[in-house]
């Protein structure tokens, strides 16, 4: 048996790379089709964000701003879905707006996905939630709604006059909302919300971000200016796990599937590296005998 195993190890370096690619492809595909629900331990950043939203008053109004596009969708879109599910399951009113042009399409897709669930079939557009759409101007829009929503969003994404939307009757400025959540992939994004709305008006704010952004936001989290942050795909998977743990949702979502696939792929890659090194030293040891 040991001789056969040694021969196997010595021949590993002859393994066709296409077989390696095929194995990696299969181990990535399997968790996406059949979720493994590997254990997830939420970080303090994600936990703080979740609890900040979870502990809002029952009649809270949450402003969610979409500042990402298709290129960052794999990381940020699962956060958008989870945060919307969280807000709706807690009975909060939700105001959606977009500071990126692509954000309008991302917002519509996230809302459609969440509202397709039967538990939210009784939610009424304009009463329980509204999509104000995209407005150009970057941080100027944020500064503008600190003075007046109606002056910056005369109509919503469906071209309905804002004065005809019941949800907006008591929302004159952004100071009338209870929480701001920024789904941010860059500028304008979470930092601008902190600088021009949250800090001046003392409105709690948090964000879901691409992983590359998180280091820029940590000083704001540490200083208490932000209530945590959801950091990339791992953070999105952690938020999904918390949703299940707290009983707000039944199953984890797309981020957890992606992290399962990533974890298994990393394990297999490390295994190949270990086997490759063993094969190298075994082969070198055998050559020394001759």
C-alpha atoms as a PDB file:
ATOM      1  CA  UNK A   1       0.000   0.000   0.000  1.00  0.00           C
ATOM      2  CA  UNK A   2       2.783   2.417   0.908  1.00  0.00           C
ATOM      3  CA  UNK A   3       4.492   1.705  -2.450  1.00  0.00           C
ATOM      4  CA  UNK A   4       1.331   2.479  -4.371  1.00  0.00           C
ATOM      5  CA  UNK A   5       0.814   5.659  -2.380  1.00  0.00           C
ATOM      6  CA  UNK A   6       4.390   6.763  -3.054  1.00  0.00           C
ATOM      7  CA  UNK A   7       3.882   6.138  -6.756  1.00  0.00           C
ATOM      8  CA  UNK A   8       0.657   8.157  -6.637  1.00  0.00           C
ATOM      9  CA  UNK A   9       2.469  11.074  -4.994  1.00  0.00           C
ATOM     10  CA  UNK A  10       5.300  10.977  -7.509  1.00  0.00           C
ATOM     11  CA  UNK A  11       2.844  11.149 -10.407  1.00  0.00           C
ATOM     12  CA  UNK A  12       0.889  14.104  -9.007  1.00  0.00           C
ATOM     13  CA  UNK A  13       3.078  16.600 -10.843  1.00  0.00           C
ATOM     14  CA  UNK A  14       1.906  15.029 -14.099  1.00  0.00           C
ATOM     15  CA  UNK A  15      -1.747  15.700 -13.299  1.00  0.00           C
ATOM     16  CA  UNK A  16      -3.406  17.554 -16.185  1.00  0.00           C
ATOM     17  CA  UNK A  17      -4.220  21.086 -15.075  1.00  0.00           C
ATOM     18  CA  UNK A  18      -7.628  20.784 -16.741  1.00  0.00           C
ATOM     19  CA  UNK A  19      -8.515  18.153 -14.146  1.00  0.00           C
ATOM     20  CA  UNK A  20      -7.498  20.575 -11.382  1.00  0.00           C
ATOM     21  CA  UNK A  21      -9.662  23.302 -12.914  1.00  0.00           C
ATOM     22  CA  UNK A  22     -12.563  20.871 -13.229  1.00  0.00           C
ATOM     23  CA  UNK A  23     -12.298  19.855  -9.567  1.00  0.00           C
ATOM     24  CA  UNK A  24     -12.190  23.502  -8.449  1.00  0.00           C
ATOM     25  CA  UNK A  25     -15.186  24.275 -10.659  1.00  0.00           C
ATOM     26  CA  UNK A  26     -17.201  21.418  -9.180  1.00  0.00           C
ATOM     27  CA  UNK A  27     -16.421  22.293  -5.555  1.00  0.00           C
ATOM     28  CA  UNK A  28     -17.453  25.902  -6.231  1.00  0.00           C
ATOM     29  CA  UNK A  29     -20.658  24.886  -8.015  1.00  0.00           C
ATOM     30  CA  UNK A  30     -21.836  22.345  -5.450  1.00  0.00           C
ATOM     31  CA  UNK A  31     -22.388  24.783  -2.498  1.00  0.00           C
ATOM     32  CA  UNK A  32     -24.129  27.232  -4.825  1.00  0.00           C
ATOM     33  CA  UNK A  33     -26.649  24.560  -5.811  1.00  0.00           C
ATOM     34  CA  UNK A  34     -26.810  22.807  -2.447  1.00  0.00           C
ATOM     35  CA  UNK A  35     -26.065  25.269   0.406  1.00  0.00           C
ATOM     36  CA  UNK A  36     -23.898  23.805   3.148  1.00  0.00           C
ATOM     37  CA  UNK A  37     -24.713  26.485   5.731  1.00  0.00           C
ATOM     38  CA  UNK A  38     -21.237  26.388   7.179  1.00  0.00           C
ATOM     39  CA  UNK A  39     -20.950  28.053  10.618  1.00  0.00           C
ATOM     40  CA  UNK A  40     -20.675  31.847  10.527  1.00  0.00           C
ATOM     41  CA  UNK A  41     -19.403  33.911  13.451  1.00  0.00           C
ATOM     42  CA  UNK A  42     -20.568  37.549  13.078  1.00  0.00           C
ATOM     43  CA  UNK A  43     -17.920  40.206  13.632  1.00  0.00           C
ATOM     44  CA  UNK A  44     -18.468  43.170  15.931  1.00  0.00           C
ATOM     45  CA  UNK A  45     -18.925  45.430  12.889  1.00  0.00           C
ATOM     46  CA  UNK A  46     -21.838  43.392  11.530  1.00  0.00           C
ATOM     47  CA  UNK A  47     -23.327  42.737  14.963  1.00  0.00           C
ATOM     48  CA  UNK A  48     -23.395  46.448  15.779  1.00  0.00           C
ATOM     49  CA  UNK A  49     -25.138  47.261  12.506  1.00  0.00           C
ATOM     50  CA  UNK A  50     -27.712  44.530  12.993  1.00  0.00           C
ATOM     51  CA  UNK A  51     -28.517  45.560  16.560  1.00  0.00           C
ATOM     52  CA  UNK A  52     -28.725  49.250  15.628  1.00  0.00           C
ATOM     53  CA  UNK A  53     -31.439  48.448  13.082  1.00  0.00           C
ATOM     54  CA  UNK A  54     -33.104  45.767  15.181  1.00  0.00           C
ATOM     55  CA  UNK A  55     -33.492  48.062  18.202  1.00  0.00           C
ATOM     56  CA  UNK A  56     -35.252  50.905  16.381  1.00  0.00           C
ATOM     57  CA  UNK A  57     -38.785  51.809  17.526  1.00  0.00           C
ATOM     58  CA  UNK A  58     -41.613  49.788  15.991  1.00  0.00           C
ATOM     59  CA  UNK A  59     -42.843  52.791  14.001  1.00  0.00           C
ATOM     60  CA  UNK A  60     -39.378  53.770  12.741  1.00  0.00           C
ATOM     61  CA  UNK A  61     -38.708  55.164   9.290  1.00  0.00           C
ATOM     62  CA  UNK A  62     -35.464  54.033   7.624  1.00  0.00           C
ATOM     63  CA  UNK A  63     -33.824  55.791   4.697  1.00  0.00           C
ATOM     64  CA  UNK A  64     -31.869  53.382   2.471  1.00  0.00           C
ATOM     65  CA  UNK A  65     -29.622  54.912  -0.184  1.00  0.00           C
ATOM     66  CA  UNK A  66     -28.380  52.847  -3.131  1.00  0.00           C
ATOM     67  CA  UNK A  67     -24.863  53.816  -4.201  1.00  0.00           C
ATOM     68  CA  UNK A  68     -23.609  50.821  -6.145  1.00  0.00           C
ATOM     69  CA  UNK A  69     -23.842  49.362  -9.616  1.00  0.00           C
ATOM     70  CA  UNK A  70     -23.515  46.012 -11.431  1.00  0.00           C
ATOM     71  CA  UNK A  71     -19.737  45.774 -10.866  1.00  0.00           C
ATOM     72  CA  UNK A  72     -20.164  45.677  -7.068  1.00  0.00           C
ATOM     73  CA  UNK A  73     -23.513  43.882  -7.087  1.00  0.00           C
ATOM     74  CA  UNK A  74     -22.163  40.450  -5.991  1.00  0.00           C
ATOM     75  CA  UNK A  75     -20.870  41.952  -2.738  1.00  0.00           C
ATOM     76  CA  UNK A  76     -23.465  44.597  -1.910  1.00  0.00           C
ATOM     77  CA  UNK A  77     -26.745  43.331  -3.356  1.00  0.00           C
ATOM     78  CA  UNK A  78     -27.149  40.520  -0.752  1.00  0.00           C
ATOM     79  CA  UNK A  79     -26.804  43.209   1.955  1.00  0.00           C
ATOM     80  CA  UNK A  80     -29.531  45.282   0.295  1.00  0.00           C
ATOM     81  CA  UNK A  81     -31.857  42.285   0.276  1.00  0.00           C
ATOM     82  CA  UNK A  82     -31.135  41.391   3.911  1.00  0.00           C
ATOM     83  CA  UNK A  83     -31.522  44.952   5.217  1.00  0.00           C
ATOM     84  CA  UNK A  84     -34.819  45.389   3.356  1.00  0.00           C
ATOM     85  CA  UNK A  85     -36.040  42.045   4.725  1.00  0.00           C
ATOM     86  CA  UNK A  86     -34.998  43.140   8.212  1.00  0.00           C
ATOM     87  CA  UNK A  87     -36.770  46.503   8.007  1.00  0.00           C
ATOM     88  CA  UNK A  88     -39.982  45.087   6.559  1.00  0.00           C
ATOM     89  CA  UNK A  89     -40.076  42.168   9.013  1.00  0.00           C
ATOM     90  CA  UNK A  90     -39.771  44.660  11.900  1.00  0.00           C
ATOM     91  CA  UNK A  91     -42.593  46.774  10.478  1.00  0.00           C
ATOM     92  CA  UNK A  92     -40.499  49.834   9.648  1.00  0.00           C
ATOM     93  CA  UNK A  93     -41.368  52.313   6.922  1.00  0.00           C
ATOM     94  CA  UNK A  94     -38.701  52.399   4.210  1.00  0.00           C
ATOM     95  CA  UNK A  95     -37.680  55.311   1.990  1.00  0.00           C
ATOM     96  CA  UNK A  96     -35.392  54.316  -0.874  1.00  0.00           C
ATOM     97  CA  UNK A  97     -33.300  56.831  -2.828  1.00  0.00           C
ATOM     98  CA  UNK A  98     -30.297  56.614  -5.143  1.00  0.00           C
ATOM     99  CA  UNK A  99     -27.179  58.757  -5.467  1.00  0.00           C
ATOM    100  CA  UNK A 100     -25.824  56.615  -8.326  1.00  0.00           C
ATOM    101  CA  UNK A 101     -27.658  56.276 -11.666  1.00  0.00           C
ATOM    102  CA  UNK A 102     -27.177  52.489 -11.583  1.00  0.00           C
ATOM    103  CA  UNK A 103     -28.537  52.481  -8.051  1.00  0.00           C
ATOM    104  CA  UNK A 104     -32.052  52.941  -9.409  1.00  0.00           C
ATOM    105  CA  UNK A 105     -31.910  49.566 -11.177  1.00  0.00           C
ATOM    106  CA  UNK A 106     -30.288  47.921  -8.159  1.00  0.00           C
ATOM    107  CA  UNK A 107     -32.997  49.328  -5.885  1.00  0.00           C
ATOM    108  CA  UNK A 108     -35.810  48.112  -8.112  1.00  0.00           C
ATOM    109  CA  UNK A 109     -34.285  44.653  -8.337  1.00  0.00           C
ATOM    110  CA  UNK A 110     -33.774  44.396  -4.563  1.00  0.00           C
ATOM    111  CA  UNK A 111     -37.310  45.605  -3.801  1.00  0.00           C
ATOM    112  CA  UNK A 112     -38.838  43.222  -6.341  1.00  0.00           C
ATOM    113  CA  UNK A 113     -36.891  40.305  -4.891  1.00  0.00           C
ATOM    114  CA  UNK A 114     -37.868  41.053  -1.290  1.00  0.00           C
ATOM    115  CA  UNK A 115     -41.499  41.965  -1.947  1.00  0.00           C
ATOM    116  CA  UNK A 116     -42.061  38.782  -3.958  1.00  0.00           C
ATOM    117  CA  UNK A 117     -42.108  36.926  -0.635  1.00  0.00           C
ATOM    118  CA  UNK A 118     -45.654  36.209   0.520  1.00  0.00           C
ATOM    119  CA  UNK A 119     -45.031  37.532   4.030  1.00  0.00           C
ATOM    120  CA  UNK A 120     -44.778  41.053   2.585  1.00  0.00           C
ATOM    121  CA  UNK A 121     -47.770  40.813   0.244  1.00  0.00           C
ATOM    122  CA  UNK A 122     -49.765  43.266   2.375  1.00  0.00           C
ATOM    123  CA  UNK A 123     -47.214  46.081   2.124  1.00  0.00           C
ATOM    124  CA  UNK A 124     -48.558  49.061   0.202  1.00  0.00           C
ATOM    125  CA  UNK A 125     -46.400  51.237  -2.024  1.00  0.00           C
ATOM    126  CA  UNK A 126     -46.455  54.859  -0.903  1.00  0.00           C
ATOM    127  CA  UNK A 127     -47.646  53.887   2.577  1.00  0.00           C
ATOM    128  CA  UNK A 128     -45.144  51.289   3.819  1.00  0.00           C
ATOM    129  CA  UNK A 129     -42.333  52.018   1.394  1.00  0.00           C
ATOM    130  CA  UNK A 130     -41.415  54.320  -1.458  1.00  0.00           C
ATOM    131  CA  UNK A 131     -38.680  54.505  -4.079  1.00  0.00           C
ATOM    132  CA  UNK A 132     -37.791  58.148  -4.716  1.00  0.00           C
ATOM    133  CA  UNK A 133     -35.376  57.200  -7.486  1.00  0.00           C
ATOM    134  CA  UNK A 134     -32.125  58.830  -8.586  1.00  0.00           C
ATOM    135  CA  UNK A 135     -31.145  62.470  -8.375  1.00  0.00           C
ATOM    136  CA  UNK A 136     -27.812  63.814  -9.680  1.00  0.00           C
ATOM    137  CA  UNK A 137     -25.663  66.054  -7.517  1.00  0.00           C
ATOM    138  CA  UNK A 138     -23.743  63.714  -5.208  1.00  0.00           C
ATOM    139  CA  UNK A 139     -23.362  65.257  -1.732  1.00  0.00           C
ATOM    140  CA  UNK A 140     -25.389  68.289  -2.853  1.00  0.00           C
ATOM    141  CA  UNK A 141     -28.454  66.020  -2.800  1.00  0.00           C
ATOM    142  CA  UNK A 142     -27.650  64.965   0.776  1.00  0.00           C
ATOM    143  CA  UNK A 143     -27.247  68.611   1.795  1.00  0.00           C
ATOM    144  CA  UNK A 144     -30.482  69.417  -0.020  1.00  0.00           C
ATOM    145  CA  UNK A 145     -32.653  66.903   1.827  1.00  0.00           C
ATOM    146  CA  UNK A 146     -31.384  68.248   5.144  1.00  0.00           C
ATOM    147  CA  UNK A 147     -33.461  71.299   4.165  1.00  0.00           C
ATOM    148  CA  UNK A 148     -36.299  69.769   2.142  1.00  0.00           C
ATOM    149  CA  UNK A 149     -37.116  66.453   0.503  1.00  0.00           C
ATOM    150  CA  UNK A 150     -39.772  68.012  -1.710  1.00  0.00           C
ATOM    151  CA  UNK A 151     -37.326  70.518  -3.166  1.00  0.00           C
ATOM    152  CA  UNK A 152     -34.990  67.727  -4.291  1.00  0.00           C
ATOM    153  CA  UNK A 153     -37.430  64.904  -5.048  1.00  0.00           C
ATOM    154  CA  UNK A 154     -40.528  66.464  -6.614  1.00  0.00           C
ATOM    155  CA  UNK A 155     -41.622  63.033  -7.928  1.00  0.00           C
ATOM    156  CA  UNK A 156     -40.765  59.445  -7.085  1.00  0.00           C
ATOM    157  CA  UNK A 157     -39.387  56.767  -9.429  1.00  0.00           C
ATOM    158  CA  UNK A 158     -42.916  56.203 -10.777  1.00  0.00           C
ATOM    159  CA  UNK A 159     -43.324  59.920 -11.520  1.00  0.00           C
ATOM    160  CA  UNK A 160     -45.872  60.329  -8.732  1.00  0.00           C
ATOM    161  CA  UNK A 161     -45.802  63.757  -7.135  1.00  0.00           C
ATOM    162  CA  UNK A 162     -44.209  63.533  -3.712  1.00  0.00           C
ATOM    163  CA  UNK A 163     -47.124  65.450  -2.182  1.00  0.00           C
ATOM    164  CA  UNK A 164     -49.404  62.544  -3.191  1.00  0.00           C
ATOM    165  CA  UNK A 165     -47.322  59.920  -1.348  1.00  0.00           C
ATOM    166  CA  UNK A 166     -48.749  59.337   2.159  1.00  0.00           C
ATOM    167  CA  UNK A 167     -45.423  58.097   3.574  1.00  0.00           C
ATOM    168  CA  UNK A 168     -43.781  61.419   2.728  1.00  0.00           C
ATOM    169  CA  UNK A 169     -46.463  63.595   4.373  1.00  0.00           C
ATOM    170  CA  UNK A 170     -44.576  63.682   7.681  1.00  0.00           C
ATOM    171  CA  UNK A 171     -41.092  63.503   6.205  1.00  0.00           C
ATOM    172  CA  UNK A 172     -40.110  67.066   5.469  1.00  0.00           C
ATOM    173  CA  UNK A 173     -36.334  66.683   5.804  1.00  0.00           C
ATOM    174  CA  UNK A 174     -33.911  63.846   6.440  1.00  0.00           C
ATOM    175  CA  UNK A 175     -33.986  64.731  10.147  1.00  0.00           C
ATOM    176  CA  UNK A 176     -37.490  63.189  10.226  1.00  0.00           C
ATOM    177  CA  UNK A 177     -36.142  59.677   9.561  1.00  0.00           C
ATOM    178  CA  UNK A 178     -34.925  57.449  12.386  1.00  0.00           C
ATOM    179  CA  UNK A 179     -32.014  55.747  10.649  1.00  0.00           C
ATOM    180  CA  UNK A 180     -29.909  56.098   7.491  1.00  0.00           C
ATOM    181  CA  UNK A 181     -28.403  53.097   5.748  1.00  0.00           C
ATOM    182  CA  UNK A 182     -26.001  53.583   2.844  1.00  0.00           C
ATOM    183  CA  UNK A 183     -25.305  50.761   0.382  1.00  0.00           C
ATOM    184  CA  UNK A 184     -22.011  52.167  -0.783  1.00  0.00           C
ATOM    185  CA  UNK A 185     -19.437  51.149  -3.371  1.00  0.00           C
ATOM    186  CA  UNK A 186     -17.572  54.453  -3.457  1.00  0.00           C
ATOM    187  CA  UNK A 187     -18.257  58.138  -3.936  1.00  0.00           C
ATOM    188  CA  UNK A 188     -20.762  59.463  -3.086  1.00  0.00           C
ATOM    189  CA  UNK A 189     -21.501  57.020  -0.323  1.00  0.00           C
ATOM    190  CA  UNK A 190     -21.297  56.305   3.376  1.00  0.00           C
ATOM    191  CA  UNK A 191     -18.680  58.940   4.217  1.00  0.00           C
ATOM    192  CA  UNK A 192     -20.742  61.706   2.594  1.00  0.00           C
ATOM    193  CA  UNK A 193     -23.801  60.613   4.582  1.00  0.00           C
ATOM    194  CA  UNK A 194     -21.792  60.891   7.790  1.00  0.00           C
ATOM    195  CA  UNK A 195     -20.323  64.288   6.938  1.00  0.00           C
ATOM    196  CA  UNK A 196     -23.403  66.039   5.549  1.00  0.00           C
ATOM    197  CA  UNK A 197     -26.394  64.417   7.259  1.00  0.00           C
ATOM    198  CA  UNK A 198     -25.646  62.143  10.194  1.00  0.00           C
ATOM    199  CA  UNK A 199     -23.176  64.343  12.059  1.00  0.00           C
ATOM    200  CA  UNK A 200     -24.881  67.724  11.546  1.00  0.00           C
ATOM    201  CA  UNK A 201     -28.369  66.385  12.385  1.00  0.00           C
ATOM    202  CA  UNK A 202     -27.374  63.586  14.789  1.00  0.00           C
ATOM    203  CA  UNK A 203     -29.144  60.849  12.822  1.00  0.00           C
ATOM    204  CA  UNK A 204     -27.797  57.312  13.359  1.00  0.00           C
ATOM    205  CA  UNK A 205     -26.185  55.890  10.229  1.00  0.00           C
ATOM    206  CA  UNK A 206     -24.629  52.647   9.087  1.00  0.00           C
ATOM    207  CA  UNK A 207     -23.589  51.153   5.784  1.00  0.00           C
ATOM    208  CA  UNK A 208     -22.976  48.084   3.676  1.00  0.00           C
ATOM    209  CA  UNK A 209     -19.783  48.369   1.677  1.00  0.00           C
ATOM    210  CA  UNK A 210     -17.453  46.654  -0.725  1.00  0.00           C
ATOM    211  CA  UNK A 211     -14.586  45.053   1.203  1.00  0.00           C
ATOM    212  CA  UNK A 212     -12.026  47.466  -0.219  1.00  0.00           C
ATOM    213  CA  UNK A 213     -13.815  50.415   1.435  1.00  0.00           C
ATOM    214  CA  UNK A 214     -14.007  49.161   4.980  1.00  0.00           C
ATOM    215  CA  UNK A 215     -10.671  50.537   6.186  1.00  0.00           C
ATOM    216  CA  UNK A 216     -11.793  54.030   5.188  1.00  0.00           C
ATOM    217  CA  UNK A 217     -14.876  53.693   7.390  1.00  0.00           C
ATOM    218  CA  UNK A 218     -13.307  52.204  10.516  1.00  0.00           C
ATOM    219  CA  UNK A 219     -12.340  55.621  11.998  1.00  0.00           C
ATOM    220  CA  UNK A 220     -15.995  56.694  11.789  1.00  0.00           C
ATOM    221  CA  UNK A 221     -17.127  53.453  13.446  1.00  0.00           C
ATOM    222  CA  UNK A 222     -14.525  53.705  16.212  1.00  0.00           C
ATOM    223  CA  UNK A 223     -15.503  57.309  16.939  1.00  0.00           C
ATOM    224  CA  UNK A 224     -19.191  56.387  17.202  1.00  0.00           C
ATOM    225  CA  UNK A 225     -20.179  58.376  14.111  1.00  0.00           C
ATOM    226  CA  UNK A 226     -21.324  55.162  12.409  1.00  0.00           C
ATOM    227  CA  UNK A 227     -23.244  52.243  13.930  1.00  0.00           C
ATOM    228  CA  UNK A 228     -21.035  49.471  12.592  1.00  0.00           C
ATOM    229  CA  UNK A 229     -20.718  48.454   8.959  1.00  0.00           C
ATOM    230  CA  UNK A 230     -21.353  45.394   6.796  1.00  0.00           C
ATOM    231  CA  UNK A 231     -18.018  44.570   5.187  1.00  0.00           C
ATOM    232  CA  UNK A 232     -18.172  42.861   1.814  1.00  0.00           C
ATOM    233  CA  UNK A 233     -19.397  39.359   1.087  1.00  0.00           C
ATOM    234  CA  UNK A 234     -18.342  37.950   4.507  1.00  0.00           C
ATOM    235  CA  UNK A 235     -20.289  40.717   6.258  1.00  0.00           C
ATOM    236  CA  UNK A 236     -23.341  40.042   4.103  1.00  0.00           C
ATOM    237  CA  UNK A 237     -23.201  36.342   5.048  1.00  0.00           C
ATOM    238  CA  UNK A 238     -22.887  37.298   8.721  1.00  0.00           C
ATOM    239  CA  UNK A 239     -25.958  39.533   8.464  1.00  0.00           C
ATOM    240  CA  UNK A 240     -27.922  36.689   6.856  1.00  0.00           C
ATOM    241  CA  UNK A 241     -26.892  34.402   9.706  1.00  0.00           C
ATOM    242  CA  UNK A 242     -28.075  36.976  12.267  1.00  0.00           C
ATOM    243  CA  UNK A 243     -31.403  37.275  10.458  1.00  0.00           C
ATOM    244  CA  UNK A 244     -31.932  33.541  10.912  1.00  0.00           C
ATOM    245  CA  UNK A 245     -30.599  33.536  14.489  1.00  0.00           C
ATOM    246  CA  UNK A 246     -32.991  36.304  15.579  1.00  0.00           C
ATOM    247  CA  UNK A 247     -35.934  34.679  13.812  1.00  0.00           C
ATOM    248  CA  UNK A 248     -36.500  37.390  11.212  1.00  0.00           C
ATOM    249  CA  UNK A 249     -35.898  35.021   8.271  1.00  0.00           C
ATOM    250  CA  UNK A 250     -36.021  31.282   7.677  1.00  0.00           C
ATOM    251  CA  UNK A 251     -32.973  30.632   5.529  1.00  0.00           C
ATOM    252  CA  UNK A 252     -29.695  32.296   4.644  1.00  0.00           C
ATOM    253  CA  UNK A 253     -29.330  33.983   1.280  1.00  0.00           C
ATOM    254  CA  UNK A 254     -26.956  34.335  -1.640  1.00  0.00           C
ATOM    255  CA  UNK A 255     -24.016  35.696   0.366  1.00  0.00           C
ATOM    256  CA  UNK A 256     -23.917  32.572   2.537  1.00  0.00           C
ATOM    257  CA  UNK A 257     -23.937  30.343  -0.546  1.00  0.00           C
ATOM    258  CA  UNK A 258     -21.076  32.347  -2.039  1.00  0.00           C
ATOM    259  CA  UNK A 259     -19.049  32.153   1.178  1.00  0.00           C
ATOM    260  CA  UNK A 260     -19.646  28.393   1.380  1.00  0.00           C
ATOM    261  CA  UNK A 261     -18.310  28.053  -2.170  1.00  0.00           C
ATOM    262  CA  UNK A 262     -15.342  30.287  -1.393  1.00  0.00           C
ATOM    263  CA  UNK A 263     -14.482  28.395   1.796  1.00  0.00           C
ATOM    264  CA  UNK A 264     -14.611  24.981   0.124  1.00  0.00           C
ATOM    265  CA  UNK A 265     -12.598  26.247  -2.867  1.00  0.00           C
ATOM    266  CA  UNK A 266      -9.924  27.643  -0.546  1.00  0.00           C
ATOM    267  CA  UNK A 267      -9.794  24.326   1.317  1.00  0.00           C
ATOM    268  CA  UNK A 268      -9.327  22.361  -1.921  1.00  0.00           C
ATOM    269  CA  UNK A 269      -6.648  24.789  -3.177  1.00  0.00           C
ATOM    270  CA  UNK A 270      -4.726  24.464   0.095  1.00  0.00           C
ATOM    271  CA  UNK A 271      -5.086  20.669  -0.151  1.00  0.00           C
ATOM    272  CA  UNK A 272      -3.593  20.723  -3.658  1.00  0.00           C
ATOM    273  CA  UNK A 273      -0.697  22.849  -2.402  1.00  0.00           C
ATOM    274  CA  UNK A 274      -0.006  20.423   0.448  1.00  0.00           C
ATOM    275  CA  UNK A 275      -0.202  17.381  -1.833  1.00  0.00           C
ATOM    276  CA  UNK A 276       2.020  19.100  -4.384  1.00  0.00           C
ATOM    277  CA  UNK A 277       4.696  19.776  -1.777  1.00  0.00           C
ATOM    278  CA  UNK A 278       4.492  16.226  -0.454  1.00  0.00           C
ATOM    279  CA  UNK A 279       4.830  14.919  -4.015  1.00  0.00           C
ATOM    280  CA  UNK A 280       7.877  17.141  -4.619  1.00  0.00           C
ATOM    281  CA  UNK A 281       9.717  16.017  -1.491  1.00  0.00           C
ATOM    282  CA  UNK A 282       8.782  12.375  -2.066  1.00  0.00           C
ATOM    283  CA  UNK A 283      10.101  12.509  -5.621  1.00  0.00           C
ATOM    284  CA  UNK A 284      13.309  14.270  -4.543  1.00  0.00           C
ATOM    285  CA  UNK A 285      13.837  11.716  -1.784  1.00  0.00           C
ATOM    286  CA  UNK A 286      13.512   8.847  -4.239  1.00  0.00           C
ATOM    287  CA  UNK A 287      15.953  10.487  -6.701  1.00  0.00           C
ATOM    288  CA  UNK A 288      18.584  10.705  -3.995  1.00  0.00           C
ATOM    289  CA  UNK A 289      18.571   6.924  -3.710  1.00  0.00           C
ATOM    290  CA  UNK A 290      20.026   6.568  -7.223  1.00  0.00           C
END
